[in-house]
Amino acid sequence: MFNKSISQMIINFAFIYSSIVCHFKAIEYLNVGETFMAFFLWFCGATSFIAIFRFKIANIVKKLKKNELEQKK
């Protein structure tokens, strides 16, 4: 359990770091005039940021599926 939580924190840190790097690189590309690359990097940064909440999202989906199955009965 302890190792799992540490590994999750390390992965979350990597996702945060990559989303910040993508954001600042996108600003650099936007200043140069390459808007497509900037928006692509912002999209990558946003998905990386959303990945931080992957376990919470999985729990919400499980609860929704469980409620859906209970309503069908």
Protein backbone atom coordinates (compact mmCIF):
# COMPACT_ATOMS: atom_id res chain seq x y z
CA MET A 1 0.00 0.00 0.00
CA PHE A 2 2.76 2.43 0.93
CA ASN A 3 4.71 1.80 -2.28
CA LYS A 4 1.58 2.16 -4.38
CA SER A 5 0.80 5.55 -2.89
CA ILE A 6 4.37 6.79 -3.40
CA SER A 7 4.37 5.64 -7.02
CA GLN A 8 1.04 7.39 -7.61
CA MET A 9 2.45 10.61 -6.15
CA ILE A 10 5.52 10.36 -8.39
CA ILE A 11 3.36 9.82 -11.46
CA ASN A 12 1.09 12.72 -10.45
CA PHE A 13 4.16 14.95 -10.10
CA ALA A 14 5.27 13.90 -13.59
CA PHE A 15 1.84 14.78 -14.99
CA ILE A 16 1.89 18.18 -13.26
CA TYR A 17 5.40 18.87 -14.51
CA SER A 18 4.55 17.91 -18.09
CA SER A 19 1.41 20.04 -18.10
CA ILE A 20 3.40 23.06 -16.87
CA VAL A 21 6.11 22.49 -19.48
CA CYS A 22 3.50 22.16 -22.23
CA HIS A 23 1.85 25.39 -21.10
CA PHE A 24 5.05 27.45 -21.19
CA LYS A 25 6.17 25.96 -24.50
CA ALA A 26 2.75 26.76 -25.92
CA ILE A 27 3.18 30.39 -24.87
CA GLU A 28 6.57 30.45 -26.63
CA TYR A 29 5.05 29.05 -29.82
CA LEU A 30 2.17 31.51 -29.63
CA ASN A 31 4.59 34.45 -29.36
CA VAL A 32 6.41 33.22 -32.47
CA GLY A 33 3.12 32.97 -34.36
CA GLU A 34 2.71 29.19 -34.53
CA THR A 35 -0.84 28.99 -33.21
CA PHE A 36 -1.52 25.39 -34.25
CA MET A 37 1.45 24.08 -32.29
CA ALA A 38 0.49 26.27 -29.33
CA PHE A 39 -3.06 24.92 -29.24
CA PHE A 40 -1.77 21.37 -29.65
CA LEU A 41 0.57 21.81 -26.68
CA TRP A 42 -2.24 23.33 -24.60
CA PHE A 43 -4.39 20.31 -25.46
CA CYS A 44 -1.56 17.98 -24.39
CA GLY A 45 -1.08 19.97 -21.19
CA ALA A 46 -4.80 19.88 -20.42
CA THR A 47 -5.02 16.12 -20.89
CA SER A 48 -1.92 15.69 -18.75
CA PHE A 49 -3.52 17.82 -16.04
CA ILE A 50 -6.76 15.83 -16.23
CA ALA A 51 -4.73 12.62 -15.84
CA ILE A 52 -3.89 13.72 -12.30
CA PHE A 53 -7.51 13.00 -11.38
CA ARG A 54 -7.65 9.60 -13.12
CA PHE A 55 -8.43 7.66 -9.94
CA LYS A 56 -11.21 10.04 -8.92
CA ILE A 57 -12.68 9.87 -12.42
CA ALA A 58 -12.53 6.05 -12.31
CA ASN A 59 -14.38 6.03 -8.98
CA ILE A 60 -17.09 8.32 -10.36
CA VAL A 61 -17.53 6.09 -13.42
CA LYS A 62 -17.77 2.98 -11.21
CA LYS A 63 -20.44 4.62 -9.06
CA LEU A 64 -22.42 5.69 -12.13
CA LYS A 65 -22.27 2.19 -13.59
CA LYS A 66 -23.28 0.66 -10.27
CA ASN A 67 -26.26 3.02 -9.98
CA GLU A 68 -27.25 2.26 -13.57
CA LEU A 69 -27.20 -1.49 -12.92
CA GLU A 70 -29.23 -1.08 -9.72
CA GLN A 71 -31.88 0.97 -11.53
CA LYS A 72 -32.30 -1.73 -14.20
CA LYS A 73 -33.18 -4.34 -11.56
